[in-house]
């Protein structure tokens, strides 16, 4: 194709565009929006994967070993005749059989339950029974006070550590020394508050920011 033919086709194209300006504008706009959407979604996906990878690495990466109980598939009615799940004695046996492990911890989630505070605030939050190694094993930082220790479990101390959002919801930002009430007979005194560090995309059975950590011995394991 010679230069003259190319020039003719170019003039035809320009004439067609001028004859349908609005349709040409819509076509160009749709192409620009499509290209922008692809770039934006790729950027968001990359950012989300980076955040998820950072959270996993903060927990220990691929070096996490999770051991949990299994519900019986047969004779389920007999489960009421024995203690289900893992006990502290089971934990000690498992921990002794796991060599070359940097950190060990045992915890049990109790799902979302009602909670109230001295000032009358009410909400539903996650309750987790933990041992003294829980916050270190999960790299959870303490912003105020202290964490739960093994002595709390041994003495069945009625103390707890709450999440950053829990403090905001129940105590308006000043929780140390105050009481969290689950019901009339179950309550704990706040001795620590977790730092405002969420881990997006990582679910371990509880909310990282809206949670109450109890000593596992106090709960009765």
N, C-alpha and C. Protein backbone atom coordinates (compact mmCIF):
# COMPACT_ATOMS: atom_id res chain seq x y z
N UNK A 1 0.85 -1.19 0.00
CA UNK A 1 0.00 0.00 0.00
C UNK A 1 0.89 1.24 0.00
N UNK A 2 0.65 2.15 -0.96
CA UNK A 2 1.46 3.33 -1.08
C UNK A 2 1.01 4.43 -0.13
N UNK A 3 1.81 5.52 -0.13
CA UNK A 3 1.50 6.64 0.75
C UNK A 3 0.18 7.30 0.37
N UNK A 4 -0.12 7.31 -0.91
CA UNK A 4 -1.39 7.94 -1.35
C UNK A 4 -2.59 7.18 -0.82
N UNK A 5 -2.51 5.84 -0.86
CA UNK A 5 -3.62 5.04 -0.34
C UNK A 5 -3.77 5.22 1.17
N UNK A 6 -2.65 5.27 1.87
CA UNK A 6 -2.72 5.47 3.32
C UNK A 6 -3.34 6.82 3.66
N UNK A 7 -3.00 7.83 2.86
CA UNK A 7 -3.55 9.17 3.08
C UNK A 7 -5.05 9.17 2.85
N UNK A 8 -5.50 8.44 1.82
CA UNK A 8 -6.93 8.36 1.53
C UNK A 8 -7.67 7.70 2.68
N UNK A 9 -7.13 6.58 3.18
CA UNK A 9 -7.78 5.89 4.30
C UNK A 9 -7.80 6.76 5.55
N UNK A 10 -6.75 7.52 5.76
CA UNK A 10 -6.69 8.42 6.91
C UNK A 10 -7.77 9.48 6.82
N UNK A 11 -7.97 10.07 5.61
CA UNK A 11 -9.01 11.08 5.42
C UNK A 11 -10.40 10.49 5.64
N UNK A 12 -10.58 9.24 5.20
CA UNK A 12 -11.89 8.58 5.41
C UNK A 12 -12.14 8.38 6.90
N UNK A 13 -11.10 7.98 7.63
CA UNK A 13 -11.25 7.76 9.06
C UNK A 13 -11.56 9.06 9.79
N UNK A 14 -10.87 10.14 9.41
CA UNK A 14 -11.12 11.43 10.04
C UNK A 14 -12.52 11.91 9.75
N UNK A 15 -12.98 11.69 8.50
CA UNK A 15 -14.34 12.10 8.14
C UNK A 15 -15.38 11.32 8.94
N UNK A 16 -15.11 10.03 9.15
CA UNK A 16 -16.04 9.20 9.92
C UNK A 16 -16.09 9.65 11.39
N UNK A 17 -14.94 10.00 11.94
CA UNK A 17 -14.91 10.46 13.33
C UNK A 17 -15.64 11.78 13.48
N UNK A 18 -15.44 12.68 12.54
CA UNK A 18 -16.12 13.97 12.61
C UNK A 18 -17.62 13.82 12.43
N UNK A 19 -18.01 12.83 11.69
CA UNK A 19 -19.44 12.63 11.46
C UNK A 19 -20.14 12.01 12.65
N UNK A 20 -19.37 11.37 13.54
CA UNK A 20 -19.98 10.73 14.72
C UNK A 20 -19.13 11.10 15.95
N UNK A 21 -19.12 12.38 16.24
CA UNK A 21 -18.27 12.86 17.33
C UNK A 21 -18.65 12.26 18.68
N UNK A 22 -19.93 12.23 18.98
CA UNK A 22 -20.36 11.74 20.29
C UNK A 22 -20.05 10.26 20.47
N UNK A 23 -20.30 9.47 19.42
CA UNK A 23 -20.00 8.04 19.50
C UNK A 23 -18.49 7.81 19.60
N UNK A 24 -17.72 8.62 18.91
CA UNK A 24 -16.26 8.50 19.00
C UNK A 24 -15.77 8.84 20.40
N UNK A 25 -16.41 9.88 20.99
CA UNK A 25 -16.04 10.25 22.34
C UNK A 25 -16.34 9.13 23.34
N UNK A 26 -17.53 8.49 23.20
CA UNK A 26 -17.89 7.40 24.09
C UNK A 26 -16.95 6.21 23.93
N UNK A 27 -16.56 5.90 22.71
CA UNK A 27 -15.64 4.78 22.47
C UNK A 27 -14.29 5.04 23.12
N UNK A 28 -13.77 6.27 22.92
CA UNK A 28 -12.49 6.62 23.53
C UNK A 28 -12.57 6.60 25.05
N UNK A 29 -13.69 7.12 25.59
CA UNK A 29 -13.87 7.14 27.04
C UNK A 29 -13.93 5.73 27.62
N UNK A 30 -14.64 4.83 26.96
CA UNK A 30 -14.75 3.45 27.45
C UNK A 30 -13.39 2.75 27.45
N UNK A 31 -12.58 3.03 26.41
CA UNK A 31 -11.24 2.44 26.37
C UNK A 31 -10.38 2.97 27.52
N UNK A 32 -10.47 4.26 27.80
CA UNK A 32 -9.69 4.85 28.89
C UNK A 32 -10.14 4.30 30.24
N UNK A 33 -11.46 4.19 30.43
CA UNK A 33 -11.97 3.66 31.71
C UNK A 33 -11.55 2.20 31.89
N UNK A 34 -11.62 1.41 30.82
CA UNK A 34 -11.20 0.01 30.91
C UNK A 34 -9.73 -0.14 31.27
N UNK A 35 -8.88 0.67 30.62
CA UNK A 35 -7.45 0.61 30.92
C UNK A 35 -7.17 1.04 32.35
N UNK A 36 -7.86 2.12 32.79
CA UNK A 36 -7.67 2.59 34.17
C UNK A 36 -8.12 1.55 35.18
N UNK A 37 -9.24 0.85 34.88
CA UNK A 37 -9.75 -0.17 35.80
C UNK A 37 -8.78 -1.32 35.93
N UNK A 38 -8.18 -1.73 34.82
CA UNK A 38 -7.21 -2.83 34.87
C UNK A 38 -6.01 -2.45 35.72
N UNK A 39 -5.51 -1.25 35.53
CA UNK A 39 -4.35 -0.79 36.32
C UNK A 39 -4.71 -0.69 37.80
N UNK A 40 -5.92 -0.14 38.09
CA UNK A 40 -6.34 0.03 39.48
C UNK A 40 -6.51 -1.32 40.17
N UNK A 41 -7.19 -2.28 39.52
CA UNK A 41 -7.41 -3.59 40.13
C UNK A 41 -6.10 -4.33 40.33
N UNK A 42 -5.18 -4.20 39.39
CA UNK A 42 -3.88 -4.85 39.55
C UNK A 42 -3.13 -4.26 40.74
N UNK A 43 -3.23 -2.94 40.90
CA UNK A 43 -2.58 -2.30 42.04
C UNK A 43 -3.20 -2.73 43.36
N UNK A 44 -4.54 -2.79 43.42
CA UNK A 44 -5.21 -3.22 44.65
C UNK A 44 -4.90 -4.67 44.98
N UNK A 45 -4.88 -5.52 43.97
CA UNK A 45 -4.56 -6.93 44.21
C UNK A 45 -3.14 -7.09 44.73
N UNK A 46 -2.22 -6.35 44.14
CA UNK A 46 -0.84 -6.42 44.61
C UNK A 46 -0.69 -5.92 46.03
N UNK A 47 -1.39 -4.83 46.36
CA UNK A 47 -1.34 -4.30 47.72
C UNK A 47 -1.96 -5.26 48.72
N UNK A 48 -3.10 -5.89 48.34
CA UNK A 48 -3.73 -6.85 49.24
C UNK A 48 -2.86 -8.06 49.50
N UNK A 49 -2.23 -8.58 48.46
CA UNK A 49 -1.34 -9.73 48.63
C UNK A 49 -0.14 -9.38 49.49
N UNK A 50 0.38 -8.17 49.32
CA UNK A 50 1.52 -7.74 50.14
C UNK A 50 1.12 -7.63 51.61
N UNK A 51 -0.09 -7.08 51.87
CA UNK A 51 -0.56 -6.97 53.25
C UNK A 51 -0.77 -8.34 53.87
N UNK A 52 -1.38 -9.26 53.11
CA UNK A 52 -1.61 -10.61 53.60
C UNK A 52 -0.29 -11.33 53.88
N UNK A 53 0.66 -11.20 52.96
CA UNK A 53 1.97 -11.84 53.15
C UNK A 53 2.69 -11.29 54.37
N UNK A 54 2.57 -9.96 54.58
CA UNK A 54 3.20 -9.35 55.75
C UNK A 54 2.58 -9.88 57.04
N UNK A 55 1.25 -10.03 57.05
CA UNK A 55 0.59 -10.57 58.24
C UNK A 55 0.99 -12.00 58.54
N UNK A 56 1.08 -12.82 57.48
CA UNK A 56 1.49 -14.22 57.66
C UNK A 56 2.92 -14.30 58.16
N UNK A 57 3.81 -13.51 57.58
CA UNK A 57 5.21 -13.51 58.01
C UNK A 57 5.33 -13.02 59.45
N UNK A 58 4.47 -12.08 59.84
CA UNK A 58 4.51 -11.58 61.21
C UNK A 58 4.11 -12.66 62.20
N UNK A 59 3.25 -13.60 61.76
CA UNK A 59 2.85 -14.71 62.61
C UNK A 59 3.86 -15.86 62.60
N UNK A 60 4.76 -15.86 61.66
CA UNK A 60 5.73 -16.94 61.59
C UNK A 60 5.79 -17.60 60.23
N UNK A 61 5.08 -17.06 59.26
CA UNK A 61 5.15 -17.60 57.90
C UNK A 61 4.60 -19.02 57.82
N UNK A 62 5.30 -19.86 57.09
CA UNK A 62 4.86 -21.25 56.89
C UNK A 62 5.34 -22.15 58.02
N UNK A 63 5.83 -21.57 59.09
CA UNK A 63 6.39 -22.36 60.18
C UNK A 63 5.41 -22.55 61.34
N UNK A 64 4.13 -22.34 61.08
CA UNK A 64 3.11 -22.52 62.10
C UNK A 64 2.59 -23.96 62.08
N UNK A 65 2.46 -24.56 63.25
CA UNK A 65 1.89 -25.91 63.39
C UNK A 65 0.66 -25.79 64.28
N UNK A 66 -0.51 -26.09 63.73
CA UNK A 66 -1.77 -25.99 64.47
C UNK A 66 -2.28 -27.39 64.77
N UNK A 67 -2.59 -27.67 66.03
CA UNK A 67 -3.11 -28.97 66.46
C UNK A 67 -4.43 -28.72 67.18
N UNK A 68 -5.48 -29.38 66.74
CA UNK A 68 -6.80 -29.19 67.34
C UNK A 68 -7.55 -30.49 67.46
N UNK A 69 -8.58 -30.48 68.27
CA UNK A 69 -9.40 -31.68 68.43
C UNK A 69 -10.31 -31.89 67.24
N UNK A 70 -10.80 -33.10 67.11
CA UNK A 70 -11.68 -33.46 66.01
C UNK A 70 -12.98 -34.01 66.58
N UNK A 71 -14.09 -33.53 66.05
CA UNK A 71 -15.39 -34.03 66.50
C UNK A 71 -15.58 -35.47 66.06
N UNK A 72 -16.15 -36.31 66.93
CA UNK A 72 -16.33 -37.73 66.57
C UNK A 72 -17.32 -37.90 65.44
N UNK A 73 -17.04 -38.83 64.55
CA UNK A 73 -17.94 -39.11 63.44
C UNK A 73 -18.95 -40.19 63.79
N UNK A 74 -18.66 -40.98 64.82
CA UNK A 74 -19.58 -42.03 65.26
C UNK A 74 -19.88 -41.85 66.75
N UNK A 75 -21.01 -42.35 67.16
CA UNK A 75 -21.42 -42.31 68.57
C UNK A 75 -21.31 -40.89 69.14
N UNK A 76 -21.88 -39.94 68.42
CA UNK A 76 -21.78 -38.56 68.85
C UNK A 76 -22.51 -38.29 70.16
N UNK A 77 -23.51 -39.12 70.48
CA UNK A 77 -24.26 -38.91 71.71
C UNK A 77 -23.42 -39.20 72.96
N UNK A 78 -22.35 -39.95 72.79
CA UNK A 78 -21.50 -40.29 73.94
C UNK A 78 -20.51 -39.20 74.29
N UNK A 79 -20.48 -38.13 73.50
CA UNK A 79 -19.50 -37.07 73.76
C UNK A 79 -19.76 -36.37 75.09
N UNK A 80 -21.00 -36.46 75.60
CA UNK A 80 -21.30 -35.82 76.88
C UNK A 80 -20.71 -36.57 78.06
N UNK A 81 -20.25 -37.79 77.85
CA UNK A 81 -19.73 -38.61 78.94
C UNK A 81 -18.24 -38.41 79.18
N UNK A 82 -17.57 -37.60 78.37
CA UNK A 82 -16.14 -37.35 78.57
C UNK A 82 -15.82 -35.91 78.18
N UNK A 83 -14.66 -35.47 78.63
CA UNK A 83 -14.24 -34.10 78.33
C UNK A 83 -13.73 -34.01 76.90
N UNK A 84 -14.31 -33.11 76.14
CA UNK A 84 -13.92 -32.95 74.74
C UNK A 84 -12.78 -31.95 74.59
N UNK A 85 -12.10 -32.06 73.45
CA UNK A 85 -11.01 -31.14 73.19
C UNK A 85 -9.73 -31.53 73.89
N UNK A 86 -8.77 -30.64 73.85
CA UNK A 86 -7.46 -30.86 74.45
C UNK A 86 -7.41 -30.24 75.84
N UNK A 87 -6.82 -30.95 76.78
CA UNK A 87 -6.64 -30.44 78.13
C UNK A 87 -5.23 -29.89 78.29
N UNK A 88 -4.97 -29.28 79.43
CA UNK A 88 -3.63 -28.77 79.70
C UNK A 88 -2.63 -29.92 79.77
N UNK A 89 -3.07 -31.07 80.30
CA UNK A 89 -2.19 -32.24 80.31
C UNK A 89 -1.86 -32.70 78.90
N UNK A 90 -2.86 -32.68 78.01
CA UNK A 90 -2.60 -33.00 76.60
C UNK A 90 -1.61 -32.01 75.99
N UNK A 91 -1.78 -30.74 76.35
CA UNK A 91 -0.87 -29.73 75.83
C UNK A 91 0.57 -30.02 76.22
N UNK A 92 0.79 -30.36 77.48
CA UNK A 92 2.15 -30.61 77.95
C UNK A 92 2.78 -31.80 77.23
N UNK A 93 1.98 -32.84 76.97
CA UNK A 93 2.49 -34.01 76.24
C UNK A 93 2.85 -33.63 74.81
N UNK A 94 1.97 -32.85 74.15
CA UNK A 94 2.23 -32.45 72.77
C UNK A 94 3.45 -31.54 72.68
N UNK A 95 3.56 -30.61 73.61
CA UNK A 95 4.69 -29.68 73.58
C UNK A 95 6.01 -30.41 73.77
N UNK A 96 6.02 -31.43 74.63
CA UNK A 96 7.26 -32.18 74.85
C UNK A 96 7.64 -33.02 73.64
N UNK A 97 6.66 -33.33 72.78
CA UNK A 97 6.93 -34.16 71.61
C UNK A 97 7.22 -33.34 70.35
N UNK A 98 7.28 -32.02 70.50
CA UNK A 98 7.56 -31.15 69.36
C UNK A 98 8.92 -30.48 69.55
N UNK A 99 9.99 -31.10 69.06
CA UNK A 99 11.31 -30.49 69.22
C UNK A 99 11.54 -29.38 68.20
N UNK A 100 12.53 -28.57 68.46
CA UNK A 100 12.98 -27.52 67.53
C UNK A 100 11.86 -26.53 67.22
N UNK A 101 11.01 -26.26 68.20
CA UNK A 101 9.94 -25.28 68.04
C UNK A 101 10.27 -24.05 68.88
N UNK A 102 10.20 -22.88 68.26
CA UNK A 102 10.60 -21.65 68.96
C UNK A 102 9.59 -21.26 70.03
N UNK A 103 8.31 -21.28 69.68
CA UNK A 103 7.27 -20.87 70.62
C UNK A 103 6.12 -21.85 70.64
N UNK A 104 5.47 -21.97 71.79
CA UNK A 104 4.31 -22.87 71.94
C UNK A 104 3.22 -22.15 72.70
N UNK A 105 1.99 -22.42 72.34
CA UNK A 105 0.87 -21.80 73.04
C UNK A 105 -0.39 -22.63 72.86
N UNK A 106 -1.29 -22.52 73.82
CA UNK A 106 -2.58 -23.19 73.76
C UNK A 106 -3.67 -22.15 73.96
N UNK A 107 -4.69 -22.22 73.13
CA UNK A 107 -5.82 -21.30 73.30
C UNK A 107 -7.09 -21.98 72.85
N UNK A 108 -8.21 -21.47 73.32
CA UNK A 108 -9.52 -22.00 72.96
C UNK A 108 -10.48 -20.84 72.75
N UNK A 109 -11.10 -20.80 71.58
CA UNK A 109 -12.06 -19.73 71.29
C UNK A 109 -13.44 -20.09 71.82
N UNK A 110 -14.16 -19.07 72.25
CA UNK A 110 -15.51 -19.28 72.80
C UNK A 110 -16.55 -18.45 72.05
N UNK A 111 -16.19 -18.06 70.81
CA UNK A 111 -17.09 -17.32 69.92
C UNK A 111 -17.50 -15.98 70.55
N UNK A 112 -18.45 -15.32 69.92
CA UNK A 112 -18.90 -14.01 70.40
C UNK A 112 -19.94 -14.18 71.50
N UNK A 113 -19.69 -13.50 72.62
CA UNK A 113 -20.57 -13.55 73.77
C UNK A 113 -20.83 -12.12 74.26
N UNK A 114 -21.90 -11.91 75.00
CA UNK A 114 -22.19 -10.56 75.48
C UNK A 114 -21.16 -10.10 76.51
N UNK A 115 -20.92 -8.81 76.54
CA UNK A 115 -20.00 -8.20 77.49
C UNK A 115 -20.50 -6.82 77.85
N UNK A 116 -20.32 -6.44 79.10
CA UNK A 116 -20.69 -5.11 79.55
C UNK A 116 -19.58 -4.57 80.44
N UNK A 117 -19.64 -3.29 80.75
CA UNK A 117 -18.60 -2.62 81.53
C UNK A 117 -19.22 -1.91 82.71
N UNK A 118 -18.34 -1.38 83.56
CA UNK A 118 -18.82 -0.68 84.76
C UNK A 118 -19.75 0.48 84.41
N UNK A 119 -19.45 1.15 83.31
CA UNK A 119 -20.24 2.32 82.94
C UNK A 119 -21.55 2.01 82.25
N UNK A 120 -21.86 0.73 82.04
CA UNK A 120 -23.12 0.36 81.43
C UNK A 120 -23.06 0.09 79.95
N UNK A 121 -21.90 0.24 79.31
CA UNK A 121 -21.78 -0.05 77.89
C UNK A 121 -21.93 -1.55 77.65
N UNK A 122 -22.52 -1.90 76.51
CA UNK A 122 -22.80 -3.31 76.20
C UNK A 122 -22.42 -3.60 74.76
N UNK A 123 -21.85 -4.79 74.53
CA UNK A 123 -21.51 -5.21 73.18
C UNK A 123 -21.34 -6.72 73.16
N UNK A 124 -21.08 -7.28 71.99
CA UNK A 124 -20.76 -8.70 71.86
C UNK A 124 -19.36 -8.80 71.27
N UNK A 125 -18.49 -9.56 71.92
CA UNK A 125 -17.10 -9.66 71.51
C UNK A 125 -16.62 -11.10 71.60
N UNK A 126 -15.45 -11.37 71.03
CA UNK A 126 -14.87 -12.70 71.07
C UNK A 126 -14.15 -12.93 72.40
N UNK A 127 -14.41 -14.09 73.01
CA UNK A 127 -13.70 -14.50 74.22
C UNK A 127 -12.74 -15.63 73.84
N UNK A 128 -11.50 -15.53 74.33
CA UNK A 128 -10.49 -16.53 74.05
C UNK A 128 -9.78 -16.89 75.35
N UNK A 129 -9.74 -18.19 75.67
CA UNK A 129 -8.98 -18.67 76.82
C UNK A 129 -7.55 -18.96 76.37
N UNK A 130 -6.56 -18.38 77.04
CA UNK A 130 -5.18 -18.45 76.58
C UNK A 130 -4.26 -18.82 77.73
N UNK A 131 -3.07 -19.33 77.35
CA UNK A 131 -2.03 -19.57 78.35
C UNK A 131 -1.05 -18.40 78.35
N UNK A 132 0.01 -18.52 79.11
CA UNK A 132 0.93 -17.41 79.26
C UNK A 132 1.79 -17.10 78.06
N UNK A 133 1.81 -18.00 77.07
CA UNK A 133 2.65 -17.80 75.88
C UNK A 133 1.87 -17.28 74.68
N UNK A 134 0.58 -17.03 74.84
CA UNK A 134 -0.26 -16.74 73.69
C UNK A 134 0.15 -15.47 72.96
N UNK A 135 0.28 -14.37 73.67
CA UNK A 135 0.58 -13.10 73.00
C UNK A 135 1.95 -13.12 72.34
N UNK A 136 2.92 -13.80 72.95
CA UNK A 136 4.25 -13.90 72.34
C UNK A 136 4.21 -14.78 71.10
N UNK A 137 3.47 -15.89 71.17
CA UNK A 137 3.41 -16.81 70.03
C UNK A 137 2.75 -16.17 68.82
N UNK A 138 1.76 -15.32 69.04
CA UNK A 138 1.04 -14.67 67.95
C UNK A 138 1.53 -13.24 67.69
N UNK A 139 2.63 -12.88 68.30
CA UNK A 139 3.25 -11.56 68.07
C UNK A 139 2.27 -10.43 68.33
N UNK A 140 1.47 -10.55 69.40
CA UNK A 140 0.50 -9.52 69.75
C UNK A 140 1.13 -8.59 70.79
N UNK A 141 1.22 -7.31 70.46
CA UNK A 141 1.87 -6.34 71.32
C UNK A 141 0.88 -5.76 72.34
N UNK A 142 1.41 -5.46 73.50
CA UNK A 142 0.62 -4.87 74.57
C UNK A 142 0.83 -3.36 74.57
N UNK A 143 -0.27 -2.61 74.44
CA UNK A 143 -0.18 -1.15 74.44
C UNK A 143 -0.22 -0.59 75.86
N UNK A 144 -0.98 -1.24 76.75
CA UNK A 144 -1.11 -0.78 78.13
C UNK A 144 -1.08 -1.99 79.05
N UNK A 145 -0.50 -1.79 80.24
CA UNK A 145 -0.54 -2.85 81.24
C UNK A 145 0.35 -4.02 80.91
N UNK A 146 -0.14 -5.22 81.20
CA UNK A 146 0.64 -6.45 81.00
C UNK A 146 -0.20 -7.49 80.30
N UNK A 147 0.43 -8.62 79.99
CA UNK A 147 -0.27 -9.71 79.33
C UNK A 147 -0.69 -10.77 80.34
N UNK A 148 -1.38 -11.80 79.88
CA UNK A 148 -1.73 -12.93 80.73
C UNK A 148 -0.49 -13.80 80.93
N UNK A 149 -0.26 -14.30 82.14
CA UNK A 149 0.86 -15.19 82.39
C UNK A 149 0.38 -16.51 82.98
N UNK A 150 1.31 -17.47 83.10
CA UNK A 150 0.93 -18.80 83.59
C UNK A 150 0.49 -18.76 85.05
N UNK A 151 1.00 -17.81 85.81
CA UNK A 151 0.58 -17.71 87.21
C UNK A 151 -0.90 -17.36 87.31
N UNK A 152 -1.40 -16.56 86.37
CA UNK A 152 -2.83 -16.25 86.35
C UNK A 152 -3.67 -17.50 86.18
N UNK A 153 -3.21 -18.42 85.32
CA UNK A 153 -3.95 -19.67 85.11
C UNK A 153 -3.87 -20.58 86.33
N UNK A 154 -2.70 -20.65 86.95
CA UNK A 154 -2.54 -21.53 88.12
C UNK A 154 -3.41 -21.08 89.28
N UNK A 155 -3.55 -19.78 89.45
CA UNK A 155 -4.34 -19.25 90.57
C UNK A 155 -5.79 -18.95 90.19
N UNK A 156 -6.16 -19.26 88.93
CA UNK A 156 -7.52 -18.98 88.43
C UNK A 156 -7.88 -17.51 88.65
N UNK A 157 -6.92 -16.65 88.34
CA UNK A 157 -7.12 -15.22 88.55
C UNK A 157 -8.20 -14.68 87.61
N UNK A 158 -9.04 -13.81 88.13
CA UNK A 158 -10.11 -13.20 87.34
C UNK A 158 -9.59 -11.91 86.71
N UNK A 159 -8.64 -12.09 85.80
CA UNK A 159 -8.06 -10.96 85.08
C UNK A 159 -8.18 -11.22 83.59
N UNK A 160 -8.01 -10.20 82.78
CA UNK A 160 -8.13 -10.36 81.34
C UNK A 160 -7.37 -9.26 80.62
N UNK A 161 -7.05 -9.53 79.36
CA UNK A 161 -6.48 -8.55 78.45
C UNK A 161 -7.49 -8.34 77.33
N UNK A 162 -7.76 -7.09 76.99
CA UNK A 162 -8.79 -6.80 76.00
C UNK A 162 -8.16 -6.14 74.77
N UNK A 163 -8.90 -6.19 73.67
CA UNK A 163 -8.44 -5.60 72.42
C UNK A 163 -8.61 -4.08 72.40
N UNK A 164 -7.97 -3.49 71.41
CA UNK A 164 -8.00 -2.03 71.27
C UNK A 164 -9.43 -1.54 71.02
N UNK A 165 -10.18 -2.21 70.15
CA UNK A 165 -11.56 -1.81 69.89
C UNK A 165 -12.45 -2.08 71.10
N UNK A 166 -12.16 -3.15 71.83
CA UNK A 166 -12.95 -3.46 73.02
C UNK A 166 -12.85 -2.34 74.05
N UNK A 167 -11.65 -1.82 74.24
CA UNK A 167 -11.46 -0.70 75.16
C UNK A 167 -12.25 0.52 74.70
N UNK A 168 -12.24 0.78 73.40
CA UNK A 168 -12.97 1.93 72.88
C UNK A 168 -14.48 1.75 73.03
N UNK A 169 -14.98 0.53 72.79
CA UNK A 169 -16.42 0.29 72.85
C UNK A 169 -16.95 0.32 74.29
N UNK A 170 -16.21 -0.30 75.22
CA UNK A 170 -16.73 -0.48 76.57
C UNK A 170 -16.28 0.59 77.56
N UNK A 171 -15.08 1.14 77.35
CA UNK A 171 -14.52 2.01 78.37
C UNK A 171 -14.11 3.40 77.85
N UNK A 172 -14.40 3.68 76.61
CA UNK A 172 -14.07 4.99 76.04
C UNK A 172 -12.58 5.30 76.15
N UNK A 173 -11.73 4.25 76.03
CA UNK A 173 -10.29 4.45 75.98
C UNK A 173 -9.56 4.41 77.30
N UNK A 174 -10.21 4.03 78.41
CA UNK A 174 -9.54 3.99 79.72
C UNK A 174 -10.02 2.76 80.48
N UNK A 175 -9.38 1.59 80.24
CA UNK A 175 -9.91 0.33 80.73
C UNK A 175 -9.13 -0.28 81.88
N UNK A 176 -7.87 0.06 82.07
CA UNK A 176 -7.04 -0.61 83.07
C UNK A 176 -7.66 -0.52 84.46
N UNK A 177 -7.72 -1.68 85.12
CA UNK A 177 -8.26 -1.73 86.47
C UNK A 177 -9.77 -1.85 86.55
N UNK A 178 -10.46 -1.74 85.42
CA UNK A 178 -11.91 -1.84 85.42
C UNK A 178 -12.35 -3.28 85.10
N UNK A 179 -13.64 -3.52 85.20
CA UNK A 179 -14.16 -4.89 85.10
C UNK A 179 -14.96 -5.08 83.82
N UNK A 180 -14.73 -6.24 83.17
CA UNK A 180 -15.55 -6.70 82.06
C UNK A 180 -16.49 -7.77 82.61
N UNK A 181 -17.77 -7.61 82.39
CA UNK A 181 -18.77 -8.54 82.92
C UNK A 181 -19.38 -9.33 81.78
N UNK A 182 -19.23 -10.66 81.83
CA UNK A 182 -19.85 -11.50 80.82
C UNK A 182 -21.28 -11.86 81.20
N UNK A 183 -21.48 -12.21 82.45
CA UNK A 183 -22.82 -12.36 82.99
C UNK A 183 -22.73 -12.06 84.49
N UNK A 184 -23.74 -12.42 85.24
CA UNK A 184 -23.80 -12.01 86.64
C UNK A 184 -22.65 -12.60 87.46
N UNK A 185 -22.20 -13.81 87.14
CA UNK A 185 -21.21 -14.49 87.96
C UNK A 185 -19.83 -14.59 87.32
N UNK A 186 -19.67 -14.14 86.09
CA UNK A 186 -18.39 -14.26 85.39
C UNK A 186 -17.92 -12.86 85.00
N UNK A 187 -16.82 -12.44 85.59
CA UNK A 187 -16.27 -11.13 85.29
C UNK A 187 -14.76 -11.19 85.45
N UNK A 188 -14.09 -10.21 84.86
CA UNK A 188 -12.63 -10.15 84.96
C UNK A 188 -12.18 -8.70 85.02
N UNK A 189 -11.05 -8.49 85.69
CA UNK A 189 -10.48 -7.15 85.80
C UNK A 189 -9.44 -6.96 84.70
N UNK A 190 -9.52 -5.85 84.01
CA UNK A 190 -8.63 -5.59 82.88
C UNK A 190 -7.24 -5.23 83.40
N UNK A 191 -6.23 -6.03 82.97
CA UNK A 191 -4.84 -5.77 83.36
C UNK A 191 -3.99 -5.37 82.16
N UNK A 192 -4.54 -5.44 80.96
CA UNK A 192 -3.77 -5.08 79.77
C UNK A 192 -4.66 -4.81 78.59
N UNK A 193 -4.15 -4.02 77.65
CA UNK A 193 -4.86 -3.68 76.41
C UNK A 193 -3.93 -3.94 75.24
N UNK A 194 -4.42 -4.64 74.23
CA UNK A 194 -3.62 -4.96 73.05
C UNK A 194 -3.44 -3.72 72.18
N UNK A 195 -2.34 -3.71 71.44
CA UNK A 195 -2.07 -2.61 70.52
C UNK A 195 -3.00 -2.67 69.32
N UNK A 196 -3.16 -1.56 68.65
CA UNK A 196 -4.03 -1.46 67.48
C UNK A 196 -3.30 -2.00 66.25
N UNK A 197 -3.23 -3.33 66.16
CA UNK A 197 -2.57 -4.01 65.05
C UNK A 197 -3.48 -5.10 64.51
N UNK A 198 -4.14 -4.80 63.40
CA UNK A 198 -5.01 -5.78 62.76
C UNK A 198 -4.21 -6.59 61.75
N UNK A 199 -4.66 -7.82 61.49
CA UNK A 199 -4.03 -8.67 60.49
C UNK A 199 -5.10 -9.05 59.47
N UNK A 200 -5.13 -8.29 58.37
CA UNK A 200 -6.18 -8.46 57.37
C UNK A 200 -6.03 -9.81 56.67
N UNK A 201 -7.16 -10.51 56.52
CA UNK A 201 -7.16 -11.76 55.79
C UNK A 201 -6.71 -12.96 56.57
N UNK A 202 -6.33 -12.79 57.85
CA UNK A 202 -5.87 -13.91 58.68
C UNK A 202 -6.87 -14.12 59.80
N UNK A 203 -7.58 -15.23 59.76
CA UNK A 203 -8.63 -15.52 60.74
C UNK A 203 -8.23 -16.73 61.56
N UNK A 204 -8.06 -16.52 62.86
CA UNK A 204 -7.68 -17.59 63.78
C UNK A 204 -8.80 -17.92 64.75
N UNK A 205 -10.02 -17.53 64.42
CA UNK A 205 -11.16 -17.83 65.28
C UNK A 205 -11.56 -16.69 66.19
N UNK A 206 -10.92 -15.52 66.05
CA UNK A 206 -11.26 -14.38 66.89
C UNK A 206 -10.87 -13.10 66.17
N UNK A 207 -11.44 -12.00 66.63
CA UNK A 207 -11.13 -10.68 66.08
C UNK A 207 -9.85 -10.18 66.74
N UNK A 208 -8.88 -9.73 65.94
CA UNK A 208 -7.60 -9.30 66.48
C UNK A 208 -7.72 -8.05 67.35
N UNK A 209 -8.73 -7.23 67.11
CA UNK A 209 -8.85 -5.96 67.82
C UNK A 209 -10.00 -5.93 68.81
N UNK A 210 -10.99 -6.77 68.65
CA UNK A 210 -12.17 -6.77 69.51
C UNK A 210 -12.27 -8.13 70.19
N UNK A 211 -11.55 -8.30 71.29
CA UNK A 211 -11.41 -9.62 71.91
C UNK A 211 -11.12 -9.46 73.40
N UNK A 212 -11.48 -10.49 74.17
CA UNK A 212 -11.13 -10.58 75.58
C UNK A 212 -10.34 -11.85 75.79
N UNK A 213 -9.12 -11.74 76.32
CA UNK A 213 -8.26 -12.89 76.59
C UNK A 213 -8.34 -13.24 78.07
N UNK A 214 -8.80 -14.47 78.36
CA UNK A 214 -8.90 -14.96 79.74
C UNK A 214 -7.77 -15.95 80.01
N UNK A 215 -7.32 -16.09 81.26
CA UNK A 215 -6.39 -17.20 81.60
C UNK A 215 -7.09 -18.53 81.41
N UNK A 216 -6.42 -19.44 80.75
CA UNK A 216 -7.07 -20.71 80.42
C UNK A 216 -7.40 -21.51 81.66
N UNK A 217 -6.63 -21.34 82.74
CA UNK A 217 -6.94 -22.01 83.99
C UNK A 217 -8.17 -21.47 84.67
N UNK A 218 -8.46 -20.19 84.48
CA UNK A 218 -9.65 -19.58 85.08
C UNK A 218 -10.92 -20.13 84.44
N UNK A 219 -10.86 -20.40 83.14
CA UNK A 219 -12.02 -20.92 82.42
C UNK A 219 -12.31 -22.36 82.83
N UNK A 220 -11.26 -23.12 83.20
CA UNK A 220 -11.50 -24.46 83.71
C UNK A 220 -10.90 -25.58 82.91
N UNK A 221 -9.88 -25.31 82.06
CA UNK A 221 -9.25 -26.39 81.30
C UNK A 221 -8.31 -27.19 82.21
